[in-house]
Protein backbone atom coordinates (compact mmCIF):
# COMPACT_ATOMS: atom_id res chain seq x y z
CA MET A 1 -83.21 -8.11 64.09
CA ALA A 2 -83.92 -5.57 66.64
CA ALA A 3 -82.54 -2.39 68.59
CA ILE A 4 -79.61 -3.71 70.97
CA SER A 5 -78.04 -2.38 74.05
CA PRO A 6 -74.70 -0.39 74.25
CA ILE A 7 -73.02 -3.53 75.61
CA GLU A 8 -74.29 -5.62 72.92
CA TRP A 9 -72.99 -3.20 70.42
CA ASP A 10 -69.56 -3.36 72.10
CA LYS A 11 -69.58 -7.04 71.57
CA PHE A 12 -70.89 -6.70 68.01
CA LEU A 13 -68.10 -4.27 67.02
CA SER A 14 -65.46 -6.48 68.52
CA GLN A 15 -65.52 -8.72 65.54
CA PHE A 16 -64.52 -6.01 63.27
CA PRO A 17 -60.77 -5.17 63.30
CA ASP A 18 -61.13 -1.63 61.93
CA PRO A 19 -64.26 0.27 62.67
CA HIS A 20 -64.25 3.98 62.21
CA ILE A 21 -63.62 5.61 65.55
CA LEU A 22 -67.17 7.58 65.17
CA GLN A 23 -68.93 4.27 65.34
CA THR A 24 -67.24 3.13 68.54
CA SER A 25 -69.09 3.32 71.92
CA PRO A 26 -66.90 5.93 73.41
CA TRP A 27 -67.84 8.29 70.86
CA GLY A 28 -71.52 7.43 71.26
CA ARG A 29 -71.16 8.07 75.01
CA LEU A 30 -69.39 11.44 74.31
CA LYS A 31 -72.34 12.54 72.09
CA ALA A 32 -74.95 11.13 74.47
CA ASP A 33 -73.39 13.42 77.38
CA PHE A 34 -74.01 16.48 75.33
CA GLY A 35 -77.43 16.31 73.97
CA TRP A 36 -77.67 13.41 71.65
CA HIS A 37 -79.70 10.17 71.98
CA LEU A 38 -78.22 6.74 70.99
CA ALA A 39 -79.61 3.68 69.23
CA PHE A 40 -78.14 0.50 68.03
CA VAL A 41 -78.96 -2.06 65.41
CA ALA A 42 -77.07 -5.12 64.38
CA SER A 43 -77.23 -8.42 62.69
CA HIS A 44 -74.26 -10.92 62.61
CA GLU A 45 -72.72 -9.17 59.75
CA CYS A 46 -73.50 -5.51 59.84
CA GLY A 47 -74.80 -2.89 62.32
CA ALA A 48 -74.99 0.85 63.08
CA GLN A 49 -74.63 3.36 65.81
CA ILE A 50 -77.31 5.91 65.30
CA LEU A 51 -76.96 9.39 66.96
CA ILE A 52 -80.36 11.24 67.30
CA LYS A 53 -80.62 15.23 67.91
CA ARG A 54 -83.59 17.29 68.61
CA ILE A 55 -84.00 20.11 66.05
CA LEU A 56 -87.32 21.42 67.62
CA PRO A 57 -89.52 20.14 70.42
CA GLY A 58 -90.66 16.75 69.16
CA ILE A 59 -88.87 17.13 66.00
CA ASN A 60 -85.30 15.21 65.49
CA PHE A 61 -83.01 14.15 62.88
CA ALA A 62 -80.82 11.02 62.96
CA TYR A 63 -77.23 10.55 61.97
CA ILE A 64 -74.95 7.66 61.22
CA PRO A 65 -71.37 8.97 61.15
CA LYS A 66 -68.99 6.69 59.18
CA GLY A 67 -71.36 3.75 59.11
CA PRO A 68 -72.91 1.37 59.04
CA VAL A 69 -70.35 -1.23 59.83
CA GLY A 70 -69.86 -4.46 57.86
CA GLN A 71 -71.62 -5.52 54.87
CA ASN A 72 -75.01 -6.24 53.34
CA TRP A 73 -76.68 -3.12 54.85
CA ASP A 74 -80.18 -3.75 53.14
CA GLN A 75 -81.16 -5.83 56.21
CA LEU A 76 -80.66 -2.83 58.41
CA TRP A 77 -82.81 -0.09 56.86
CA PRO A 78 -86.13 -1.39 57.94
CA ASP A 79 -85.28 -1.37 61.74
CA ILE A 80 -83.32 1.92 61.30
CA ASP A 81 -86.54 3.42 59.48
CA ALA A 82 -88.49 2.12 62.45
CA ILE A 83 -86.37 3.81 65.09
CA CYS A 84 -86.27 7.11 63.13
CA ARG A 85 -89.94 7.21 62.74
CA ALA A 86 -90.73 6.32 66.31
CA ARG A 87 -88.27 9.17 67.45
CA ASN A 88 -90.10 11.63 65.12
CA CYS A 89 -87.03 12.14 62.86
CA VAL A 90 -87.38 14.52 59.88
CA PHE A 91 -84.59 12.75 58.06
CA LEU A 92 -81.56 10.34 58.49
CA LYS A 93 -78.11 11.34 57.46
CA VAL A 94 -75.61 8.58 56.51
CA GLU A 95 -71.98 9.20 55.91
CA PRO A 96 -70.27 5.90 55.05
CA ASP A 97 -66.72 4.99 55.82
CA TYR A 98 -65.82 4.55 52.14
CA TRP A 99 -63.52 6.49 49.88
CA GLU A 100 -64.81 7.86 46.54
CA ASN A 101 -63.78 5.61 43.58
CA ALA A 102 -62.81 2.87 46.14
CA TYR A 103 -66.21 1.76 47.67
CA PRO A 104 -67.08 -1.02 45.14
CA LYS A 105 -64.08 -2.85 45.90
CA GLN A 106 -64.32 -2.50 49.73
CA ALA A 107 -67.92 -3.31 50.02
CA GLY A 108 -68.54 -5.82 47.17
CA ASN A 109 -71.92 -5.97 45.88
CA SER A 110 -73.51 -5.07 49.23
CA PHE A 111 -73.03 -1.23 48.84
CA ARG A 112 -76.31 -0.02 47.72
CA PHE A 113 -78.49 2.67 49.09
CA PRO A 114 -82.28 2.06 48.59
CA ASP A 115 -84.17 4.33 46.09
CA GLU A 116 -85.48 6.36 49.16
CA PHE A 117 -82.07 7.76 49.76
CA ILE A 118 -80.93 11.02 48.05
CA GLN A 119 -77.32 12.11 47.88
CA SER A 120 -77.10 15.23 49.99
CA HIS A 121 -75.10 18.45 49.56
CA HIS A 122 -74.49 18.91 53.22
CA SER A 123 -71.70 16.86 55.09
CA ILE A 124 -71.13 16.81 58.68
CA GLN A 125 -67.71 15.40 58.69
CA PRO A 126 -65.12 16.80 56.30
CA LEU A 127 -65.45 15.32 52.77
CA ARG A 128 -61.67 15.45 51.96
CA THR A 129 -58.71 14.74 53.82
CA LEU A 130 -55.03 13.79 53.82
CA ILE A 131 -53.98 10.27 54.93
CA VAL A 132 -50.42 9.95 56.09
CA ASP A 133 -48.93 6.48 55.51
CA LEU A 134 -47.23 5.14 58.66
CA LYS A 135 -45.81 2.00 57.41
CA GLY A 136 -42.02 1.49 57.52
CA GLU A 137 -39.31 3.02 59.82
CA GLU A 138 -39.65 6.66 61.06
CA SER A 139 -36.99 7.69 58.51
CA GLN A 140 -39.15 6.46 55.70
CA ILE A 141 -42.25 8.47 56.97
CA LEU A 142 -40.09 11.55 57.22
CA GLY A 143 -38.65 10.81 53.79
CA ARG A 144 -42.14 11.07 52.43
CA MET A 145 -42.78 14.59 53.77
CA LYS A 146 -41.87 17.71 52.06
CA GLN A 147 -38.29 18.96 52.85
CA LYS A 148 -39.56 22.29 54.56
CA THR A 149 -41.63 20.13 56.91
CA ARG A 150 -38.78 17.84 57.83
CA TYR A 151 -36.77 21.19 58.35
CA ASN A 152 -39.35 22.58 60.72
CA ILE A 153 -39.74 19.37 62.79
CA LYS A 154 -36.10 19.37 63.36
CA LEU A 155 -35.90 23.12 63.99
CA ALA A 156 -38.42 23.29 66.87
CA PRO A 157 -36.32 21.28 69.45
CA LYS A 158 -33.39 23.45 68.42
CA LYS A 159 -35.42 26.58 69.36
CA ASN A 160 -36.14 24.92 72.77
CA VAL A 161 -39.61 23.50 72.00
CA ILE A 162 -40.43 20.59 74.37
CA VAL A 163 -43.51 18.28 73.66
CA ASN A 164 -44.86 16.01 76.38
CA PRO A 165 -48.09 14.20 76.97
CA GLN A 166 -50.62 15.72 79.42
CA VAL A 167 -53.71 14.62 81.18
CA GLU A 168 -55.11 17.81 82.28
CA LEU A 169 -56.77 19.80 79.54
CA SER A 170 -57.03 23.57 80.93
CA ALA A 171 -53.85 24.63 79.07
CA PHE A 172 -55.20 22.88 75.78
CA TYR A 173 -58.49 24.75 76.24
CA ASP A 174 -56.83 28.06 76.71
CA LEU A 175 -55.09 27.52 73.44
CA MET A 176 -58.20 26.47 71.74
CA LYS A 177 -60.00 29.61 72.76
CA ILE A 178 -57.07 31.62 71.26
CA THR A 179 -57.11 29.56 68.07
CA GLY A 180 -61.07 29.84 67.72
CA GLN A 181 -60.94 33.62 67.96
CA ARG A 182 -58.04 33.98 65.75
CA ASP A 183 -59.35 31.76 62.98
CA GLN A 184 -62.94 32.49 63.70
CA PHE A 185 -64.47 29.11 64.20
CA GLY A 186 -66.54 27.88 66.98
CA ILE A 187 -65.20 25.59 69.78
CA HIS A 188 -66.66 23.03 72.26
CA SER A 189 -66.68 23.53 75.97
CA LEU A 190 -63.88 22.53 78.16
CA ALA A 191 -66.19 19.81 79.58
CA TYR A 192 -66.69 18.31 76.11
CA TYR A 193 -62.92 18.01 75.17
CA GLN A 194 -62.18 16.61 78.75
CA ARG A 195 -64.95 14.18 78.37
CA ALA A 196 -63.72 13.05 74.79
CA TYR A 197 -60.09 12.68 76.32
CA ASP A 198 -61.20 10.68 79.37
CA LEU A 199 -63.54 8.23 77.39
CA PHE A 200 -60.90 7.32 74.98
CA HIS A 201 -57.70 7.58 77.13
CA GLU A 202 -59.09 5.08 79.64
CA ARG A 203 -58.98 2.57 76.66
CA ASP A 204 -55.52 4.01 75.68
CA GLN A 205 -57.06 5.19 72.35
CA CYS A 206 -56.07 8.89 72.62
CA GLN A 207 -53.20 11.11 73.64
CA MET A 208 -53.06 14.83 74.40
CA LEU A 209 -49.62 16.45 73.55
CA LEU A 210 -48.50 19.88 74.69
CA ALA A 211 -45.70 21.81 73.20
CA GLU A 212 -43.90 24.34 75.62
CA PHE A 213 -41.39 27.13 75.56
CA GLU A 214 -39.53 27.73 78.69
CA GLY A 215 -42.54 26.48 80.69
CA SER A 216 -45.24 28.28 78.60
CA PRO A 217 -47.81 26.26 76.68
CA ILE A 218 -47.57 27.26 73.08
CA SER A 219 -49.46 24.57 71.10
CA ALA A 220 -51.34 21.31 71.72
CA LEU A 221 -53.18 18.71 70.09
CA ILE A 222 -55.36 15.52 70.85
CA VAL A 223 -54.91 12.50 68.56
CA PHE A 224 -57.31 9.46 68.66
CA ARG A 225 -56.91 5.83 67.42
CA ALA A 226 -59.07 2.99 66.67
CA GLY A 227 -57.97 -0.28 64.91
CA TYR A 228 -55.13 0.63 62.46
CA ARG A 229 -56.09 4.12 62.00
CA ALA A 230 -55.39 7.44 63.88
CA TRP A 231 -57.09 10.67 63.59
CA TYR A 232 -56.02 14.40 64.43
CA PHE A 233 -59.34 15.92 65.52
CA TYR A 234 -58.37 18.83 67.80
CA GLY A 235 -55.45 21.34 67.57
CA ALA A 236 -54.64 24.65 68.98
CA SER A 237 -51.80 27.26 69.27
CA SER A 238 -50.81 30.45 70.81
CA ASN A 239 -50.24 33.71 68.83
CA LEU A 240 -46.84 33.82 70.29
CA HIS A 241 -43.59 31.70 69.34
CA ARG A 242 -44.87 30.58 65.97
CA ASP A 243 -41.42 31.00 64.62
CA ARG A 244 -40.40 28.17 66.80
CA MET A 245 -42.58 25.76 64.78
CA PRO A 246 -44.29 23.95 67.75
CA ASN A 247 -46.98 22.55 65.50
CA TYR A 248 -44.69 20.70 63.39
CA LEU A 249 -43.11 18.95 66.13
CA LEU A 250 -46.47 18.29 67.78
CA GLN A 251 -47.70 16.55 64.56
CA TRP A 252 -44.46 14.58 64.39
CA GLU A 253 -44.73 13.43 67.94
CA ALA A 254 -48.54 12.44 67.29
CA ILE A 255 -47.60 10.36 64.34
CA ARG A 256 -44.85 8.64 66.36
CA TRP A 257 -47.47 7.83 69.08
CA ALA A 258 -49.92 6.61 66.38
CA LYS A 259 -47.28 4.28 64.97
CA SER A 260 -46.29 3.13 68.36
CA GLN A 261 -49.84 1.99 69.00
CA GLY A 262 -49.82 -0.15 65.85
CA CYS A 263 -51.58 2.39 63.49
CA CYS A 264 -50.78 2.26 59.74
CA GLU A 265 -52.65 5.44 58.90
CA TYR A 266 -52.77 8.96 60.36
CA ASP A 267 -55.80 10.90 59.24
CA LEU A 268 -55.26 14.82 59.16
CA TRP A 269 -58.82 15.31 59.08
CA GLY A 270 -60.19 17.95 56.80
CA VAL A 271 -58.74 20.06 53.90
CA PRO A 272 -60.70 22.05 51.22
CA ASP A 273 -63.05 20.08 49.13
CA VAL A 274 -61.35 20.54 45.76
CA ASP A 275 -59.03 18.39 43.50
CA LEU A 276 -55.28 18.10 44.12
CA ALA A 277 -54.53 20.36 41.10
CA THR A 278 -56.68 23.20 42.48
CA LEU A 279 -55.37 22.85 45.95
CA GLU A 280 -51.74 23.01 44.84
CA THR A 281 -52.47 25.98 42.52
CA ASN A 282 -54.21 28.12 45.28
CA PHE A 283 -52.85 27.09 48.59
CA THR A 284 -50.29 30.02 48.61
CA SER A 285 -52.90 32.69 48.05
CA ARG A 286 -56.12 31.27 49.85
CA ASN A 287 -56.48 31.79 53.51
CA ASP A 288 -60.29 31.23 53.90
CA GLY A 289 -61.92 28.21 55.29
CA LEU A 290 -59.65 25.25 55.43
CA TRP A 291 -57.02 26.60 53.05
CA GLY A 292 -54.59 27.75 55.90
CA VAL A 293 -54.68 24.42 57.47
CA TYR A 294 -54.01 22.62 53.99
CA ARG A 295 -50.97 24.76 53.56
CA PHE A 296 -49.58 23.27 56.87
CA LYS A 297 -51.11 19.69 56.45
CA ARG A 298 -49.85 19.21 52.78
CA GLY A 299 -46.15 19.10 54.10
CA PHE A 300 -46.60 15.81 55.91
CA GLY A 301 -46.86 13.73 52.95
CA GLY A 302 -50.22 12.47 52.98
CA GLU A 303 -52.44 11.18 50.29
CA LEU A 304 -55.44 13.17 49.20
CA LYS A 305 -58.73 11.20 49.55
CA ARG A 306 -62.47 12.10 49.37
CA SER A 307 -65.37 10.25 50.99
CA ILE A 308 -68.45 9.21 49.00
CA GLY A 309 -70.24 11.85 50.98
CA PRO A 310 -73.56 12.00 52.69
CA TRP A 311 -76.85 10.28 51.88
CA ASP A 312 -80.24 11.47 53.27
CA ARG A 313 -83.35 9.42 53.83
CA VAL A 314 -86.35 11.79 54.21
CA TYR A 315 -89.40 10.88 56.52
CA ASN A 316 -90.92 14.40 56.46
CA PRO A 317 -90.71 16.05 53.10
CA PHE A 318 -92.06 19.39 54.10
CA LEU A 319 -89.88 19.93 57.12
CA TYR A 320 -86.82 18.55 55.14
CA ARG A 321 -87.40 21.30 52.38
CA LEU A 322 -87.50 24.05 55.20
CA TYR A 323 -84.44 22.44 56.52
CA SER A 324 -82.60 22.61 53.07
CA VAL A 325 -83.90 26.34 52.65
CA TRP A 326 -82.33 27.08 56.09
CA LEU A 327 -79.09 25.48 55.22
CA LYS A 328 -78.78 27.35 51.94
CA TYR A 329 -79.51 30.72 53.59
CA ARG A 330 -76.93 29.93 56.40
CA LYS A 331 -74.27 29.17 53.68
CA ASP A 332 -75.23 32.34 51.78
CA GLU A 333 -74.93 34.37 54.83
CA GLY A 334 -71.44 32.91 55.77
């Protein structure tokens, strides 16, 4: 087995009905356009899209988001190791596409990391999320939501909120800048969001929805899909007209779009990494981190799930220790 081309990766991936969107070639192309390098390895039953990023001149780290794809991963690691060592990677981070307490059934006996891997305390993707079940009629999906959320979905049109798809992202980005400043998080450039939209929209795998009131944009989101799953990755809103509940109607229209595309699950993508009892006890009093978004997302009737988390394969122990100290310092400072 050896490294393969992006075209060969697409051919390989076509045999799997439901790979995670972060293992698809449009996602790899997006990351490649913004500073990452790509590598692919595959056998007939498993494979991985590997993202490689420079830390310092001549020093890199490698990342497999929501992969590898398939089973019997043991046959991949020698080739992945060879790629990582050739690219001077300090370590490889792997975040598998398996839920906690469910992966033995999903992966059979094939899900084993070699002893050289260590479980990491630093994840890149959210560890915990809410998954909305899209099976059944729209009335059944609404019926699984909390009463207040259903009320707000119906209230928005009564308050003259209109939601339509858009192909030009300038209004979305203006709202994203407002949201990032209000909620104190970093955002990508307009070029990044536009490229993400273009790459997936040309495959009919994403939709940008814009909510307006009297012709003024007040809320927007971009929803993506692959296989039977959809993901809510990016959302933004104005500081104005929040009492008109545009975000609720937006999410409902995104859910309807995902269902129309044949999706059975809608991933709300990221809530605080604590158990359900803790979430329900604290969501009314906490506003830090992802607590505010949990208060909103919980109403859509999703099931709380946690991934098995990240695993690291260390190639340079000294530099990895420095990286770990830096992560701890950054967390303490934050």
